[in-house]
């Protein structure tokens, strides 16, 4: 998981996995608060994802 910078007043997030296991990733904005973002990866699928509107920029 890494912060990919700011884009249109939002904080971007991206992550990648080198395995094809099923998992759930929960990301919480500890600065602004609010509900967490939940990302899921299905069994048998290699997970890699980018969210350009993960959280509003502080």
PDB file of N, CA and C in Angstrom:
ATOM      1  N   UNK A   1       0.852  -1.148   0.000  1.00  0.00           N
ATOM      2  CA  UNK A   1       0.000   0.000   0.000  1.00  0.00           C
ATOM      3  C   UNK A   1       0.900   1.213   0.000  1.00  0.00           C
ATOM      4  N   UNK A   2       0.591   2.155  -0.863  1.00  0.00           N
ATOM      5  CA  UNK A   2       1.356   3.398  -0.877  1.00  0.00           C
ATOM      6  C   UNK A   2       0.452   4.549  -1.266  1.00  0.00           C
ATOM      7  N   UNK A   3       0.826   5.733  -0.820  1.00  0.00           N
ATOM      8  CA  UNK A   3       0.112   6.926  -1.249  1.00  0.00           C
ATOM      9  C   UNK A   3       0.685   7.301  -2.599  1.00  0.00           C
ATOM     10  N   UNK A   4      -0.176   7.506  -3.559  1.00  0.00           N
ATOM     11  CA  UNK A   4       0.268   7.796  -4.920  1.00  0.00           C
ATOM     12  C   UNK A   4       0.164   9.281  -5.235  1.00  0.00           C
ATOM     13  N   UNK A   5       0.050  10.126  -4.235  1.00  0.00           N
ATOM     14  CA  UNK A   5      -0.035  11.562  -4.456  1.00  0.00           C
ATOM     15  C   UNK A   5      -1.464  12.062  -4.455  1.00  0.00           C
ATOM     16  N   UNK A   6      -1.617  13.297  -4.861  1.00  0.00           N
ATOM     17  CA  UNK A   6      -2.931  13.944  -4.851  1.00  0.00           C
ATOM     18  C   UNK A   6      -3.413  14.131  -6.293  1.00  0.00           C
ATOM     19  N   UNK A   7      -4.704  13.979  -6.492  1.00  0.00           N
ATOM     20  CA  UNK A   7      -5.299  14.091  -7.818  1.00  0.00           C
ATOM     21  C   UNK A   7      -6.705  14.643  -7.650  1.00  0.00           C
ATOM     22  N   UNK A   8      -6.977  15.800  -8.198  1.00  0.00           N
ATOM     23  CA  UNK A   8      -8.305  16.418  -8.123  1.00  0.00           C
ATOM     24  C   UNK A   8      -8.837  16.461  -6.694  1.00  0.00           C
ATOM     25  N   UNK A   9      -8.022  16.969  -5.783  1.00  0.00           N
ATOM     26  CA  UNK A   9      -8.410  17.149  -4.383  1.00  0.00           C
ATOM     27  C   UNK A   9      -8.695  15.842  -3.654  1.00  0.00           C
ATOM     28  N   UNK A  10      -8.138  14.755  -4.125  1.00  0.00           N
ATOM     29  CA  UNK A  10      -8.287  13.465  -3.454  1.00  0.00           C
ATOM     30  C   UNK A  10      -6.912  12.838  -3.242  1.00  0.00           C
ATOM     31  N   UNK A  11      -6.815  12.046  -2.227  1.00  0.00           N
ATOM     32  CA  UNK A  11      -5.598  11.296  -1.951  1.00  0.00           C
ATOM     33  C   UNK A  11      -5.709   9.950  -2.655  1.00  0.00           C
ATOM     34  N   UNK A  12      -4.714   9.609  -3.459  1.00  0.00           N
ATOM     35  CA  UNK A  12      -4.752   8.357  -4.221  1.00  0.00           C
ATOM     36  C   UNK A  12      -4.046   7.254  -3.440  1.00  0.00           C
ATOM     37  N   UNK A  13      -4.504   6.029  -3.612  1.00  0.00           N
ATOM     38  CA  UNK A  13      -3.887   4.857  -2.993  1.00  0.00           C
ATOM     39  C   UNK A  13      -3.712   3.782  -4.053  1.00  0.00           C
ATOM     40  N   UNK A  14      -2.645   3.010  -3.887  1.00  0.00           N
ATOM     41  CA  UNK A  14      -2.439   1.862  -4.776  1.00  0.00           C
ATOM     42  C   UNK A  14      -1.812   0.734  -3.969  1.00  0.00           C
ATOM     43  N   UNK A  15      -2.078  -0.480  -4.413  1.00  0.00           N
ATOM     44  CA  UNK A  15      -1.487  -1.644  -3.754  1.00  0.00           C
ATOM     45  C   UNK A  15      -1.316  -2.759  -4.771  1.00  0.00           C
ATOM     46  N   UNK A  16      -0.462  -3.691  -4.444  1.00  0.00           N
ATOM     47  CA  UNK A  16      -0.226  -4.828  -5.318  1.00  0.00           C
ATOM     48  C   UNK A  16       0.113  -6.054  -4.496  1.00  0.00           C
ATOM     49  N   UNK A  17      -0.146  -7.209  -5.042  1.00  0.00           N
ATOM     50  CA  UNK A  17       0.146  -8.467  -4.351  1.00  0.00           C
ATOM     51  C   UNK A  17       0.808  -9.429  -5.327  1.00  0.00           C
ATOM     52  N   UNK A  18       1.718 -10.218  -4.827  1.00  0.00           N
ATOM     53  CA  UNK A  18       2.398 -11.213  -5.655  1.00  0.00           C
ATOM     54  C   UNK A  18       1.862 -12.616  -5.405  1.00  0.00           C
ATOM     55  N   UNK A  19       0.639 -12.690  -4.922  1.00  0.00           N
ATOM     56  CA  UNK A  19       0.009 -13.988  -4.699  1.00  0.00           C
ATOM     57  C   UNK A  19      -1.442 -13.908  -5.139  1.00  0.00           C
ATOM     58  N   UNK A  20      -2.075 -15.059  -5.258  1.00  0.00           N
ATOM     59  CA  UNK A  20      -3.464 -15.086  -5.717  1.00  0.00           C
ATOM     60  C   UNK A  20      -4.406 -15.589  -4.620  1.00  0.00           C
ATOM     61  N   UNK A  21      -4.106 -15.242  -3.379  1.00  0.00           N
ATOM     62  CA  UNK A  21      -4.974 -15.628  -2.272  1.00  0.00           C
ATOM     63  C   UNK A  21      -6.109 -14.620  -2.123  1.00  0.00           C
ATOM     64  N   UNK A  22      -7.156 -15.053  -1.470  1.00  0.00           N
ATOM     65  CA  UNK A  22      -8.274 -14.162  -1.184  1.00  0.00           C
ATOM     66  C   UNK A  22      -7.918 -13.309   0.031  1.00  0.00           C
ATOM     67  N   UNK A  23      -8.214 -12.006  -0.048  1.00  0.00           N
ATOM     68  CA  UNK A  23      -7.963 -11.142   1.106  1.00  0.00           C
ATOM     69  C   UNK A  23      -8.874  -9.931   1.081  1.00  0.00           C
ATOM     70  N   UNK A  24      -8.977  -9.294   2.228  1.00  0.00           N
ATOM     71  CA  UNK A  24      -9.688  -8.033   2.388  1.00  0.00           C
ATOM     72  C   UNK A  24      -8.720  -7.037   2.992  1.00  0.00           C
ATOM     73  N   UNK A  25      -8.641  -5.856   2.393  1.00  0.00           N
ATOM     74  CA  UNK A  25      -7.756  -4.800   2.853  1.00  0.00           C
ATOM     75  C   UNK A  25      -8.620  -3.629   3.302  1.00  0.00           C
ATOM     76  N   UNK A  26      -8.467  -3.213   4.547  1.00  0.00           N
ATOM     77  CA  UNK A  26      -9.218  -2.083   5.087  1.00  0.00           C
ATOM     78  C   UNK A  26      -8.259  -0.930   5.325  1.00  0.00           C
ATOM     79  N   UNK A  27      -8.575   0.241   4.745  1.00  0.00           N
ATOM     80  CA  UNK A  27      -7.722   1.423   4.861  1.00  0.00           C
ATOM     81  C   UNK A  27      -8.516   2.506   5.573  1.00  0.00           C
ATOM     82  N   UNK A  28      -7.912   3.066   6.625  1.00  0.00           N
ATOM     83  CA  UNK A  28      -8.569   4.096   7.426  1.00  0.00           C
ATOM     84  C   UNK A  28      -7.803   5.404   7.319  1.00  0.00           C
ATOM     85  N   UNK A  29      -8.513   6.499   7.078  1.00  0.00           N
ATOM     86  CA  UNK A  29      -7.906   7.832   7.057  1.00  0.00           C
ATOM     87  C   UNK A  29      -7.848   8.336   8.492  1.00  0.00           C
ATOM     88  N   UNK A  30      -6.681   8.303   9.090  1.00  0.00           N
ATOM     89  CA  UNK A  30      -6.538   8.702  10.497  1.00  0.00           C
ATOM     90  C   UNK A  30      -6.408  10.210  10.660  1.00  0.00           C
ATOM     91  N   UNK A  31      -6.286  10.956   9.558  1.00  0.00           N
ATOM     92  CA  UNK A  31      -6.188  12.414   9.637  1.00  0.00           C
ATOM     93  C   UNK A  31      -7.575  13.039   9.578  1.00  0.00           C
ATOM     94  N   UNK A  32      -8.328  12.741   8.534  1.00  0.00           N
ATOM     95  CA  UNK A  32      -9.640  13.359   8.339  1.00  0.00           C
ATOM     96  C   UNK A  32     -10.775  12.560   8.957  1.00  0.00           C
ATOM     97  N   UNK A  33     -10.534  11.286   9.259  1.00  0.00           N
ATOM     98  CA  UNK A  33     -11.595  10.442   9.802  1.00  0.00           C
ATOM     99  C   UNK A  33     -12.519   9.960   8.700  1.00  0.00           C
ATOM    100  N   UNK A  34     -13.719   9.602   9.080  1.00  0.00           N
ATOM    101  CA  UNK A  34     -14.686   9.098   8.116  1.00  0.00           C
ATOM    102  C   UNK A  34     -14.632   7.589   8.011  1.00  0.00           C
ATOM    103  N   UNK A  35     -15.504   7.035   7.181  1.00  0.00           N
ATOM    104  CA  UNK A  35     -15.562   5.572   7.056  1.00  0.00           C
ATOM    105  C   UNK A  35     -14.327   5.034   6.335  1.00  0.00           C
ATOM    106  N   UNK A  36     -13.924   3.816   6.661  1.00  0.00           N
ATOM    107  CA  UNK A  36     -12.762   3.221   5.988  1.00  0.00           C
ATOM    108  C   UNK A  36     -13.118   2.777   4.568  1.00  0.00           C
ATOM    109  N   UNK A  37     -12.099   2.630   3.744  1.00  0.00           N
ATOM    110  CA  UNK A  37     -12.250   2.055   2.407  1.00  0.00           C
ATOM    111  C   UNK A  37     -11.913   0.575   2.514  1.00  0.00           C
ATOM    112  N   UNK A  38     -12.703  -0.255   1.874  1.00  0.00           N
ATOM    113  CA  UNK A  38     -12.490  -1.700   1.919  1.00  0.00           C
ATOM    114  C   UNK A  38     -12.270  -2.201   0.494  1.00  0.00           C
ATOM    115  N   UNK A  39     -11.158  -2.898   0.298  1.00  0.00           N
ATOM    116  CA  UNK A  39     -10.810  -3.471  -0.993  1.00  0.00           C
ATOM    117  C   UNK A  39     -10.721  -4.984  -0.817  1.00  0.00           C
ATOM    118  N   UNK A  40     -11.252  -5.719  -1.781  1.00  0.00           N
ATOM    119  CA  UNK A  40     -11.248  -7.182  -1.693  1.00  0.00           C
ATOM    120  C   UNK A  40     -10.594  -7.785  -2.933  1.00  0.00           C
ATOM    121  N   UNK A  41      -9.956  -8.919  -2.729  1.00  0.00           N
ATOM    122  CA  UNK A  41      -9.370  -9.669  -3.830  1.00  0.00           C
ATOM    123  C   UNK A  41      -9.927 -11.089  -3.786  1.00  0.00           C
ATOM    124  N   UNK A  42     -10.413 -11.557  -4.911  1.00  0.00           N
ATOM    125  CA  UNK A  42     -11.000 -12.901  -4.992  1.00  0.00           C
ATOM    126  C   UNK A  42      -9.906 -13.965  -5.070  1.00  0.00           C
ATOM    127  N   UNK A  43     -10.218 -15.136  -4.575  1.00  0.00           N
ATOM    128  CA  UNK A  43      -9.310 -16.276  -4.627  1.00  0.00           C
ATOM    129  C   UNK A  43      -8.971 -16.596  -6.083  1.00  0.00           C
ATOM    130  N   UNK A  44      -7.689 -16.812  -6.358  1.00  0.00           N
ATOM    131  CA  UNK A  44      -7.253 -17.155  -7.705  1.00  0.00           C
ATOM    132  C   UNK A  44      -6.931 -15.960  -8.581  1.00  0.00           C
ATOM    133  N   UNK A  45      -7.095 -14.750  -8.060  1.00  0.00           N
ATOM    134  CA  UNK A  45      -6.846 -13.538  -8.832  1.00  0.00           C
ATOM    135  C   UNK A  45      -5.651 -12.795  -8.234  1.00  0.00           C
ATOM    136  N   UNK A  46      -4.703 -12.404  -9.066  1.00  0.00           N
ATOM    137  CA  UNK A  46      -3.575 -11.610  -8.584  1.00  0.00           C
ATOM    138  C   UNK A  46      -4.055 -10.179  -8.381  1.00  0.00           C
ATOM    139  N   UNK A  47      -3.888  -9.681  -7.166  1.00  0.00           N
ATOM    140  CA  UNK A  47      -4.452  -8.383  -6.819  1.00  0.00           C
ATOM    141  C   UNK A  47      -3.493  -7.233  -7.033  1.00  0.00           C
ATOM    142  N   UNK A  48      -3.934  -6.239  -7.765  1.00  0.00           N
ATOM    143  CA  UNK A  48      -3.222  -4.987  -7.941  1.00  0.00           C
ATOM    144  C   UNK A  48      -4.285  -3.954  -8.274  1.00  0.00           C
ATOM    145  N   UNK A  49      -4.253  -2.815  -7.601  1.00  0.00           N
ATOM    146  CA  UNK A  49      -5.356  -1.883  -7.754  1.00  0.00           C
ATOM    147  C   UNK A  49      -4.896  -0.477  -7.442  1.00  0.00           C
ATOM    148  N   UNK A  50      -5.507   0.488  -8.070  1.00  0.00           N
ATOM    149  CA  UNK A  50      -5.280   1.895  -7.769  1.00  0.00           C
ATOM    150  C   UNK A  50      -6.613   2.591  -7.591  1.00  0.00           C
ATOM    151  N   UNK A  51      -6.728   3.427  -6.591  1.00  0.00           N
ATOM    152  CA  UNK A  51      -7.954   4.178  -6.312  1.00  0.00           C
ATOM    153  C   UNK A  51      -7.581   5.654  -6.313  1.00  0.00           C
ATOM    154  N   UNK A  52      -7.978   6.390  -7.370  1.00  0.00           N
ATOM    155  CA  UNK A  52      -7.572   7.790  -7.478  1.00  0.00           C
ATOM    156  C   UNK A  52      -8.441   8.731  -6.654  1.00  0.00           C
ATOM    157  N   UNK A  53      -9.493   8.227  -6.044  1.00  0.00           N
ATOM    158  CA  UNK A  53     -10.339   9.053  -5.185  1.00  0.00           C
ATOM    159  C   UNK A  53     -10.545   8.382  -3.835  1.00  0.00           C
ATOM    160  N   UNK A  54      -9.483   7.846  -3.254  1.00  0.00           N
ATOM    161  CA  UNK A  54      -9.598   7.093  -2.007  1.00  0.00           C
ATOM    162  C   UNK A  54     -10.165   7.944  -0.878  1.00  0.00           C
ATOM    163  N   UNK A  55      -9.554   9.093  -0.639  1.00  0.00           N
ATOM    164  CA  UNK A  55      -9.993   9.976   0.441  1.00  0.00           C
ATOM    165  C   UNK A  55      -9.864  11.420  -0.014  1.00  0.00           C
ATOM    166  N   UNK A  56     -10.721  12.322   0.502  1.00  0.00           N
ATOM    167  CA  UNK A  56     -10.551  13.743   0.193  1.00  0.00           C
ATOM    168  C   UNK A  56      -9.192  14.228   0.706  1.00  0.00           C
ATOM    169  N   UNK A  57      -8.559  15.120  -0.040  1.00  0.00           N
ATOM    170  CA  UNK A  57      -7.269  15.665   0.389  1.00  0.00           C
ATOM    171  C   UNK A  57      -7.471  16.535   1.623  1.00  0.00           C
ATOM    172  N   UNK A  58      -6.524  16.463   2.568  1.00  0.00           N
ATOM    173  CA  UNK A  58      -6.651  17.298   3.776  1.00  0.00           C
ATOM    174  C   UNK A  58      -6.452  18.765   3.463  1.00  0.00           C
TER     175      UNK A  58
END
